Amino acid sequence: MKKLLLCTAFAVFAFSNVNAQNFNVGVNLGLPMGDIKDYSSLNIGVEANYLWQVSEEFDAGILAGYTTFLGKDGADALGYLPIAAAGRFNVSEDFTIGADLGYAIGINPSGLDSGFYYSPKLQYGVSESIDIVLAYKGISVNSVNVSSLNIGVEFGL
């Protein structure tokens, strides 16, 4: 946990001198994949990120959110709090390729293990402040792959 906080603080201070800044919030739905697909029927998530413009083509920042994998047949839902570094490469005016890398803290049920979080994504700008996002979300927990293929909407504020 100390390493995560140190990495987050480093990311914030490393990009604090860059002028352009963007705050975004998003919602997404996903189809569970990997080891979790037999246990879960749907993934629902919300995220917020704060990005600094490093160059014309590249933005970097931090991300936090909540994602839950709804259980099948009365099984408990699994809830995670991802905290990650975020990077976005602007391929064109409308398309962005990105990735989030960090740590997902197990929240629900009590005692749920935490693990490495990763989410590669492709974004299409519908308007100045709305993007459609296609993403693969994965959490590696004790050799188990908790993952989903997601589609969502991100709003720039």
N, C-alpha and C. Protein backbone atom coordinates (compact mmCIF):
# COMPACT_ATOMS: atom_id res chain seq x y z
N MET A 1 0.82 -1.19 0.00
CA MET A 1 0.00 0.00 0.00
C MET A 1 0.87 1.25 0.00
N LYS A 2 1.98 1.19 0.72
CA LYS A 2 2.89 2.34 0.75
C LYS A 2 3.45 2.63 -0.63
N LYS A 3 3.76 1.57 -1.39
CA LYS A 3 4.28 1.75 -2.75
C LYS A 3 3.25 2.41 -3.64
N LEU A 4 1.98 2.03 -3.50
CA LEU A 4 0.91 2.61 -4.29
C LEU A 4 0.78 4.10 -3.99
N LEU A 5 0.79 4.47 -2.73
CA LEU A 5 0.68 5.89 -2.37
C LEU A 5 1.89 6.68 -2.86
N LEU A 6 3.07 6.08 -2.76
CA LEU A 6 4.28 6.75 -3.24
C LEU A 6 4.22 6.96 -4.75
N CYS A 7 3.78 5.95 -5.50
CA CYS A 7 3.67 6.07 -6.96
C CYS A 7 2.63 7.12 -7.35
N THR A 8 1.51 7.14 -6.64
CA THR A 8 0.47 8.13 -6.92
C THR A 8 0.98 9.54 -6.64
N ALA A 9 1.65 9.73 -5.52
CA ALA A 9 2.21 11.04 -5.19
C ALA A 9 3.25 11.46 -6.22
N PHE A 10 4.08 10.54 -6.64
CA PHE A 10 5.09 10.84 -7.66
C PHE A 10 4.42 11.29 -8.96
N ALA A 11 3.36 10.59 -9.37
CA ALA A 11 2.67 10.94 -10.61
C ALA A 11 2.06 12.33 -10.52
N VAL A 12 1.45 12.65 -9.38
CA VAL A 12 0.85 13.97 -9.21
C VAL A 12 1.91 15.07 -9.27
N PHE A 13 3.01 14.89 -8.56
CA PHE A 13 4.05 15.92 -8.55
C PHE A 13 4.80 16.01 -9.87
N ALA A 14 4.97 14.88 -10.55
CA ALA A 14 5.71 14.87 -11.82
C ALA A 14 4.98 15.67 -12.88
N PHE A 15 3.66 15.65 -12.85
CA PHE A 15 2.89 16.34 -13.88
C PHE A 15 2.27 17.65 -13.39
N SER A 16 2.59 18.10 -12.20
CA SER A 16 1.95 19.29 -11.64
C SER A 16 2.37 20.58 -12.33
N ASN A 17 3.49 20.58 -13.05
CA ASN A 17 3.93 21.79 -13.73
C ASN A 17 3.38 21.94 -15.14
N VAL A 18 2.60 20.98 -15.61
CA VAL A 18 2.03 21.06 -16.94
C VAL A 18 0.74 21.87 -16.87
N ASN A 19 0.53 22.76 -17.83
CA ASN A 19 -0.58 23.72 -17.75
C ASN A 19 -1.96 23.14 -18.05
N ALA A 20 -2.13 22.47 -19.18
CA ALA A 20 -3.46 21.99 -19.56
C ALA A 20 -3.87 20.82 -18.68
N GLN A 21 -5.12 20.87 -18.22
CA GLN A 21 -5.61 19.83 -17.32
C GLN A 21 -7.02 19.45 -17.73
N ASN A 22 -7.38 18.17 -17.53
CA ASN A 22 -8.70 17.68 -17.87
C ASN A 22 -9.21 16.77 -16.78
N PHE A 23 -10.44 17.01 -16.33
CA PHE A 23 -11.10 16.14 -15.37
C PHE A 23 -12.23 15.44 -16.11
N ASN A 24 -12.29 14.11 -16.02
CA ASN A 24 -13.29 13.32 -16.73
C ASN A 24 -13.94 12.33 -15.78
N VAL A 25 -15.23 12.08 -15.99
CA VAL A 25 -15.95 11.03 -15.28
C VAL A 25 -16.63 10.14 -16.30
N GLY A 26 -16.75 8.85 -15.97
CA GLY A 26 -17.36 7.93 -16.91
C GLY A 26 -18.10 6.81 -16.23
N VAL A 27 -18.98 6.18 -16.99
CA VAL A 27 -19.71 4.99 -16.56
C VAL A 27 -19.53 3.93 -17.63
N ASN A 28 -19.55 2.66 -17.22
CA ASN A 28 -19.37 1.58 -18.19
C ASN A 28 -20.07 0.31 -17.76
N LEU A 29 -20.39 -0.50 -18.78
CA LEU A 29 -20.97 -1.83 -18.59
C LEU A 29 -20.07 -2.82 -19.30
N GLY A 30 -19.95 -4.03 -18.74
CA GLY A 30 -19.08 -5.01 -19.37
C GLY A 30 -19.55 -6.44 -19.24
N LEU A 31 -19.04 -7.25 -20.16
CA LEU A 31 -19.26 -8.69 -20.13
C LEU A 31 -18.08 -9.35 -19.46
N PRO A 32 -18.29 -10.05 -18.35
CA PRO A 32 -17.19 -10.73 -17.67
C PRO A 32 -16.50 -11.75 -18.58
N MET A 33 -15.18 -11.84 -18.43
CA MET A 33 -14.37 -12.76 -19.22
C MET A 33 -13.39 -13.47 -18.28
N GLY A 34 -12.62 -14.38 -18.84
CA GLY A 34 -11.59 -15.06 -18.05
C GLY A 34 -12.18 -15.91 -16.95
N ASP A 35 -11.47 -15.96 -15.83
CA ASP A 35 -11.86 -16.83 -14.72
C ASP A 35 -13.18 -16.44 -14.06
N ILE A 36 -13.60 -15.19 -14.22
CA ILE A 36 -14.79 -14.71 -13.52
C ILE A 36 -16.09 -14.93 -14.30
N LYS A 37 -16.00 -15.30 -15.59
CA LYS A 37 -17.20 -15.37 -16.43
C LYS A 37 -18.22 -16.40 -15.95
N ASP A 38 -17.79 -17.46 -15.28
CA ASP A 38 -18.74 -18.45 -14.77
C ASP A 38 -19.37 -18.01 -13.45
N TYR A 39 -18.81 -17.04 -12.80
CA TYR A 39 -19.26 -16.57 -11.50
C TYR A 39 -20.11 -15.30 -11.61
N SER A 40 -19.80 -14.46 -12.64
CA SER A 40 -20.43 -13.15 -12.76
C SER A 40 -21.18 -13.01 -14.07
N SER A 41 -22.28 -12.25 -14.05
CA SER A 41 -23.10 -12.04 -15.24
C SER A 41 -22.90 -10.68 -15.88
N LEU A 42 -22.43 -9.69 -15.12
CA LEU A 42 -22.32 -8.32 -15.62
C LEU A 42 -21.31 -7.54 -14.79
N ASN A 43 -20.58 -6.65 -15.45
CA ASN A 43 -19.67 -5.73 -14.77
C ASN A 43 -20.21 -4.32 -14.94
N ILE A 44 -20.27 -3.57 -13.86
CA ILE A 44 -20.71 -2.17 -13.89
C ILE A 44 -19.63 -1.34 -13.20
N GLY A 45 -19.27 -0.22 -13.81
CA GLY A 45 -18.22 0.60 -13.22
C GLY A 45 -18.42 2.09 -13.40
N VAL A 46 -17.82 2.86 -12.52
CA VAL A 46 -17.73 4.31 -12.63
C VAL A 46 -16.27 4.68 -12.40
N GLU A 47 -15.81 5.72 -13.10
CA GLU A 47 -14.42 6.14 -12.98
C GLU A 47 -14.32 7.65 -13.06
N ALA A 48 -13.27 8.17 -12.48
CA ALA A 48 -12.93 9.58 -12.61
C ALA A 48 -11.42 9.65 -12.85
N ASN A 49 -11.01 10.48 -13.79
CA ASN A 49 -9.58 10.66 -14.00
C ASN A 49 -9.26 12.13 -14.15
N TYR A 50 -8.03 12.45 -13.81
CA TYR A 50 -7.52 13.81 -13.94
C TYR A 50 -6.25 13.71 -14.77
N LEU A 51 -6.27 14.32 -15.95
CA LEU A 51 -5.17 14.20 -16.90
C LEU A 51 -4.51 15.55 -17.14
N TRP A 52 -3.19 15.50 -17.27
CA TRP A 52 -2.41 16.67 -17.62
C TRP A 52 -1.88 16.49 -19.04
N GLN A 53 -1.90 17.55 -19.82
CA GLN A 53 -1.38 17.49 -21.18
C GLN A 53 0.14 17.57 -21.14
N VAL A 54 0.80 16.47 -21.47
CA VAL A 54 2.26 16.40 -21.48
C VAL A 54 2.79 16.95 -22.79
N SER A 55 2.10 16.62 -23.89
CA SER A 55 2.43 17.15 -25.22
C SER A 55 1.14 17.24 -26.02
N GLU A 56 1.22 17.66 -27.27
CA GLU A 56 0.03 17.74 -28.11
C GLU A 56 -0.66 16.39 -28.24
N GLU A 57 0.11 15.31 -28.26
CA GLU A 57 -0.43 13.99 -28.50
C GLU A 57 -0.62 13.14 -27.24
N PHE A 58 -0.04 13.53 -26.11
CA PHE A 58 -0.02 12.65 -24.95
C PHE A 58 -0.50 13.35 -23.69
N ASP A 59 -1.43 12.68 -22.98
CA ASP A 59 -1.92 13.12 -21.68
C ASP A 59 -1.61 12.04 -20.65
N ALA A 60 -1.31 12.42 -19.44
CA ALA A 60 -1.03 11.46 -18.36
C ALA A 60 -1.64 11.99 -17.07
N GLY A 61 -2.00 11.06 -16.18
CA GLY A 61 -2.60 11.49 -14.93
C GLY A 61 -2.93 10.33 -14.01
N ILE A 62 -3.99 10.52 -13.23
CA ILE A 62 -4.40 9.54 -12.23
C ILE A 62 -5.87 9.18 -12.43
N LEU A 63 -6.24 7.99 -11.97
CA LEU A 63 -7.61 7.50 -12.11
C LEU A 63 -8.03 6.79 -10.83
N ALA A 64 -9.29 6.96 -10.48
CA ALA A 64 -9.89 6.21 -9.37
C ALA A 64 -11.32 5.89 -9.76
N GLY A 65 -11.85 4.82 -9.22
CA GLY A 65 -13.22 4.45 -9.57
C GLY A 65 -13.74 3.35 -8.69
N TYR A 66 -14.85 2.78 -9.12
CA TYR A 66 -15.44 1.62 -8.45
C TYR A 66 -15.98 0.71 -9.54
N THR A 67 -15.71 -0.58 -9.43
CA THR A 67 -16.23 -1.55 -10.38
C THR A 67 -16.77 -2.75 -9.62
N THR A 68 -17.92 -3.25 -10.06
CA THR A 68 -18.52 -4.40 -9.40
C THR A 68 -18.87 -5.46 -10.44
N PHE A 69 -18.59 -6.70 -10.09
CA PHE A 69 -18.96 -7.85 -10.91
C PHE A 69 -20.15 -8.51 -10.23
N LEU A 70 -21.33 -8.39 -10.85
CA LEU A 70 -22.55 -8.94 -10.26
C LEU A 70 -22.51 -10.46 -10.33
N GLY A 71 -22.86 -11.11 -9.22
CA GLY A 71 -22.80 -12.56 -9.13
C GLY A 71 -23.98 -13.25 -9.81
N LYS A 72 -23.73 -14.45 -10.35
CA LYS A 72 -24.78 -15.28 -10.94
C LYS A 72 -25.40 -16.15 -9.85
N ASP A 73 -26.66 -16.52 -10.05
CA ASP A 73 -27.34 -17.50 -9.20
C ASP A 73 -27.23 -17.19 -7.71
N GLY A 74 -27.41 -15.93 -7.34
CA GLY A 74 -27.39 -15.55 -5.94
C GLY A 74 -26.01 -15.39 -5.32
N ALA A 75 -24.96 -15.53 -6.12
CA ALA A 75 -23.60 -15.35 -5.59
C ALA A 75 -23.37 -13.88 -5.27
N ASP A 76 -22.47 -13.63 -4.31
CA ASP A 76 -22.14 -12.26 -3.93
C ASP A 76 -21.49 -11.51 -5.08
N ALA A 77 -21.78 -10.22 -5.16
CA ALA A 77 -21.10 -9.35 -6.12
C ALA A 77 -19.69 -9.08 -5.60
N LEU A 78 -18.75 -8.91 -6.52
CA LEU A 78 -17.38 -8.56 -6.15
C LEU A 78 -17.16 -7.09 -6.47
N GLY A 79 -16.75 -6.31 -5.48
CA GLY A 79 -16.54 -4.88 -5.67
C GLY A 79 -15.09 -4.49 -5.47
N TYR A 80 -14.55 -3.70 -6.42
CA TYR A 80 -13.15 -3.26 -6.37
C TYR A 80 -13.06 -1.74 -6.52
N LEU A 81 -12.07 -1.17 -5.88
CA LEU A 81 -11.73 0.24 -6.01
C LEU A 81 -10.39 0.34 -6.74
N PRO A 82 -10.40 0.57 -8.07
CA PRO A 82 -9.13 0.72 -8.79
C PRO A 82 -8.54 2.11 -8.59
N ILE A 83 -7.24 2.15 -8.36
CA ILE A 83 -6.47 3.40 -8.29
C ILE A 83 -5.29 3.20 -9.24
N ALA A 84 -5.15 4.10 -10.22
CA ALA A 84 -4.19 3.83 -11.28
C ALA A 84 -3.56 5.09 -11.87
N ALA A 85 -2.44 4.88 -12.55
CA ALA A 85 -1.86 5.90 -13.41
C ALA A 85 -2.57 5.76 -14.76
N ALA A 86 -2.85 6.88 -15.41
CA ALA A 86 -3.58 6.88 -16.68
C ALA A 86 -2.74 7.55 -17.75
N GLY A 87 -2.73 6.96 -18.93
CA GLY A 87 -2.04 7.55 -20.08
C GLY A 87 -2.94 7.52 -21.29
N ARG A 88 -2.94 8.61 -22.07
CA ARG A 88 -3.76 8.69 -23.28
C ARG A 88 -2.92 9.26 -24.42
N PHE A 89 -2.94 8.56 -25.57
CA PHE A 89 -2.25 9.02 -26.76
C PHE A 89 -3.30 9.40 -27.80
N ASN A 90 -3.32 10.67 -28.18
CA ASN A 90 -4.30 11.18 -29.14
C ASN A 90 -3.85 10.85 -30.55
N VAL A 91 -4.45 9.81 -31.15
CA VAL A 91 -4.10 9.35 -32.48
C VAL A 91 -4.55 10.34 -33.53
N SER A 92 -5.74 10.88 -33.37
CA SER A 92 -6.29 11.89 -34.27
C SER A 92 -7.19 12.80 -33.45
N GLU A 93 -7.91 13.66 -34.12
CA GLU A 93 -8.81 14.57 -33.42
C GLU A 93 -9.94 13.81 -32.71
N ASP A 94 -10.33 12.66 -33.28
CA ASP A 94 -11.45 11.89 -32.74
C ASP A 94 -11.06 10.64 -31.96
N PHE A 95 -9.90 10.05 -32.24
CA PHE A 95 -9.52 8.77 -31.63
C PHE A 95 -8.38 8.91 -30.63
N THR A 96 -8.52 8.19 -29.52
CA THR A 96 -7.51 8.16 -28.47
C THR A 96 -7.28 6.71 -28.05
N ILE A 97 -6.01 6.35 -27.88
CA ILE A 97 -5.64 5.04 -27.34
C ILE A 97 -5.07 5.29 -25.95
N GLY A 98 -5.47 4.47 -24.99
CA GLY A 98 -4.99 4.70 -23.64
C GLY A 98 -4.83 3.43 -22.83
N ALA A 99 -4.30 3.61 -21.64
CA ALA A 99 -4.16 2.50 -20.70
C ALA A 99 -4.13 3.05 -19.29
N ASP A 100 -4.69 2.27 -18.37
CA ASP A 100 -4.65 2.57 -16.95
C ASP A 100 -3.95 1.40 -16.27
N LEU A 101 -2.96 1.70 -15.43
CA LEU A 101 -2.22 0.66 -14.71
C LEU A 101 -2.15 1.03 -13.24
N GLY A 102 -2.49 0.08 -12.38
CA GLY A 102 -2.43 0.39 -10.95
C GLY A 102 -2.81 -0.79 -10.09
N TYR A 103 -3.61 -0.52 -9.07
CA TYR A 103 -3.95 -1.50 -8.06
C TYR A 103 -5.44 -1.43 -7.79
N ALA A 104 -6.11 -2.59 -7.71
CA ALA A 104 -7.54 -2.65 -7.40
C ALA A 104 -7.70 -3.18 -5.98
N ILE A 105 -8.27 -2.37 -5.12
CA ILE A 105 -8.48 -2.74 -3.73
C ILE A 105 -9.81 -3.48 -3.60
N GLY A 106 -9.78 -4.69 -3.05
CA GLY A 106 -11.00 -5.48 -2.84
C GLY A 106 -11.85 -4.86 -1.75
N ILE A 107 -13.09 -4.51 -2.08
CA ILE A 107 -13.99 -3.81 -1.15
C ILE A 107 -15.11 -4.73 -0.66
N ASN A 108 -15.76 -5.43 -1.58
CA ASN A 108 -16.95 -6.19 -1.26
C ASN A 108 -16.88 -7.56 -1.92
N PRO A 109 -17.14 -8.66 -1.24
CA PRO A 109 -17.46 -8.79 0.19
C PRO A 109 -16.22 -8.56 1.06
N SER A 110 -16.44 -8.46 2.32
CA SER A 110 -15.35 -8.23 3.27
C SER A 110 -14.30 -9.33 3.13
N GLY A 111 -13.04 -8.93 3.09
CA GLY A 111 -11.96 -9.89 2.97
C GLY A 111 -11.57 -10.22 1.54
N LEU A 112 -12.21 -9.56 0.54
CA LEU A 112 -11.88 -9.79 -0.86
C LEU A 112 -10.45 -9.36 -1.13
N ASP A 113 -9.66 -10.23 -1.77
CA ASP A 113 -8.25 -9.92 -2.07
C ASP A 113 -8.13 -8.82 -3.11
N SER A 114 -7.08 -8.05 -3.00
CA SER A 114 -6.77 -6.97 -3.94
C SER A 114 -5.76 -7.48 -4.96
N GLY A 115 -5.55 -6.69 -6.05
CA GLY A 115 -4.60 -7.14 -7.05
C GLY A 115 -4.24 -6.08 -8.07
N PHE A 116 -3.35 -6.45 -8.99
CA PHE A 116 -2.87 -5.58 -10.06
C PHE A 116 -4.01 -5.25 -11.02
N TYR A 117 -4.17 -3.98 -11.37
CA TYR A 117 -5.25 -3.50 -12.23
C TYR A 117 -4.66 -2.98 -13.54
N TYR A 118 -5.29 -3.36 -14.66
CA TYR A 118 -4.87 -2.87 -15.97
C TYR A 118 -6.10 -2.71 -16.86
N SER A 119 -6.08 -1.69 -17.71
CA SER A 119 -7.22 -1.45 -18.58
C SER A 119 -6.78 -0.71 -19.85
N PRO A 120 -6.46 -1.46 -20.92
CA PRO A 120 -6.22 -0.80 -22.21
C PRO A 120 -7.56 -0.34 -22.78
N LYS A 121 -7.55 0.80 -23.52
CA LYS A 121 -8.82 1.34 -24.01
C LYS A 121 -8.66 2.10 -25.31
N LEU A 122 -9.77 2.19 -26.03
CA LEU A 122 -9.88 2.96 -27.26
C LEU A 122 -11.06 3.90 -27.09
N GLN A 123 -10.83 5.20 -27.37
CA GLN A 123 -11.88 6.19 -27.17
C GLN A 123 -12.17 6.90 -28.48
N TYR A 124 -13.47 7.16 -28.71
CA TYR A 124 -13.91 7.92 -29.88
C TYR A 124 -14.64 9.16 -29.39
N GLY A 125 -14.19 10.33 -29.81
CA GLY A 125 -14.80 11.59 -29.39
C GLY A 125 -16.07 11.88 -30.18
N VAL A 126 -17.21 11.84 -29.50
CA VAL A 126 -18.50 12.13 -30.12
C VAL A 126 -18.70 13.64 -30.21
N SER A 127 -18.24 14.35 -29.19
CA SER A 127 -18.32 15.81 -29.16
C SER A 127 -17.11 16.33 -28.39
N GLU A 128 -17.08 17.60 -28.14
CA GLU A 128 -15.96 18.23 -27.44
C GLU A 128 -15.75 17.63 -26.05
N SER A 129 -16.85 17.21 -25.39
CA SER A 129 -16.71 16.73 -24.01
C SER A 129 -17.30 15.33 -23.76
N ILE A 130 -17.62 14.58 -24.82
CA ILE A 130 -18.18 13.23 -24.64
C ILE A 130 -17.41 12.25 -25.51
N ASP A 131 -16.94 11.16 -24.89
CA ASP A 131 -16.24 10.08 -25.60
C ASP A 131 -16.98 8.76 -25.37
N ILE A 132 -17.00 7.92 -26.40
CA ILE A 132 -17.43 6.54 -26.28
C ILE A 132 -16.15 5.73 -26.04
N VAL A 133 -16.16 4.86 -25.04
CA VAL A 133 -14.95 4.14 -24.63
C VAL A 133 -15.17 2.64 -24.74
N LEU A 134 -14.26 1.95 -25.43
CA LEU A 134 -14.22 0.49 -25.48
C LEU A 134 -12.96 0.08 -24.71
N ALA A 135 -13.13 -0.76 -23.70
CA ALA A 135 -11.99 -1.10 -22.83
C ALA A 135 -12.03 -2.56 -22.40
N TYR A 136 -10.85 -3.08 -22.15
CA TYR A 136 -10.69 -4.38 -21.49
C TYR A 136 -10.22 -4.05 -20.08
N LYS A 137 -10.94 -4.53 -19.09
CA LYS A 137 -10.60 -4.25 -17.69
C LYS A 137 -10.16 -5.55 -17.04
N GLY A 138 -8.96 -5.58 -16.46
CA GLY A 138 -8.48 -6.79 -15.83
C GLY A 138 -7.91 -6.54 -14.44
N ILE A 139 -8.13 -7.50 -13.56
CA ILE A 139 -7.58 -7.46 -12.21
C ILE A 139 -6.96 -8.84 -11.97
N SER A 140 -5.66 -8.88 -11.71
CA SER A 140 -4.97 -10.13 -11.41
C SER A 140 -4.89 -10.30 -9.90
N VAL A 141 -5.59 -11.31 -9.40
CA VAL A 141 -5.66 -11.55 -7.96
C VAL A 141 -5.26 -12.99 -7.69
N ASN A 142 -4.09 -13.20 -7.08
CA ASN A 142 -3.65 -14.55 -6.70
C ASN A 142 -3.81 -15.56 -7.84
N SER A 143 -3.27 -15.25 -8.98
CA SER A 143 -3.30 -16.11 -10.18
C SER A 143 -4.70 -16.29 -10.76
N VAL A 144 -5.65 -15.48 -10.36
CA VAL A 144 -7.00 -15.50 -10.91
C VAL A 144 -7.19 -14.24 -11.74
N ASN A 145 -7.83 -14.38 -12.91
CA ASN A 145 -8.06 -13.26 -13.80
C ASN A 145 -9.52 -12.80 -13.68
N VAL A 146 -9.72 -11.65 -13.04
CA VAL A 146 -11.04 -11.04 -12.93
C VAL A 146 -11.08 -9.96 -14.01
N SER A 147 -11.81 -10.21 -15.11
CA SER A 147 -11.74 -9.28 -16.24
C SER A 147 -13.07 -9.16 -16.96
N SER A 148 -13.16 -8.11 -17.80
CA SER A 148 -14.37 -7.87 -18.58
C SER A 148 -14.05 -7.03 -19.80
N LEU A 149 -14.91 -7.14 -20.81
CA LEU A 149 -14.85 -6.30 -22.00
C LEU A 149 -15.96 -5.27 -21.82
N ASN A 150 -15.59 -3.98 -21.79
CA ASN A 150 -16.53 -2.93 -21.41
C ASN A 150 -16.76 -1.92 -22.53
N ILE A 151 -17.94 -1.32 -22.49
CA ILE A 151 -18.25 -0.15 -23.31
C ILE A 151 -18.83 0.89 -22.36
N GLY A 152 -18.46 2.14 -22.59
CA GLY A 152 -18.93 3.18 -21.69
C GLY A 152 -18.91 4.56 -22.32
N VAL A 153 -19.27 5.52 -21.51
CA VAL A 153 -19.29 6.92 -21.91
C VAL A 153 -18.46 7.70 -20.90
N GLU A 154 -17.62 8.61 -21.43
CA GLU A 154 -16.79 9.46 -20.56
C GLU A 154 -17.13 10.91 -20.85
N PHE A 155 -17.36 11.66 -19.79
CA PHE A 155 -17.73 13.07 -19.89
C PHE A 155 -16.60 13.95 -19.39
N GLY A 156 -16.17 14.90 -20.20
CA GLY A 156 -15.15 15.85 -19.78
C GLY A 156 -15.79 17.01 -19.05
N LEU A 157 -15.24 17.38 -17.91
CA LEU A 157 -15.81 18.48 -17.11
C LEU A 157 -14.86 19.68 -17.09
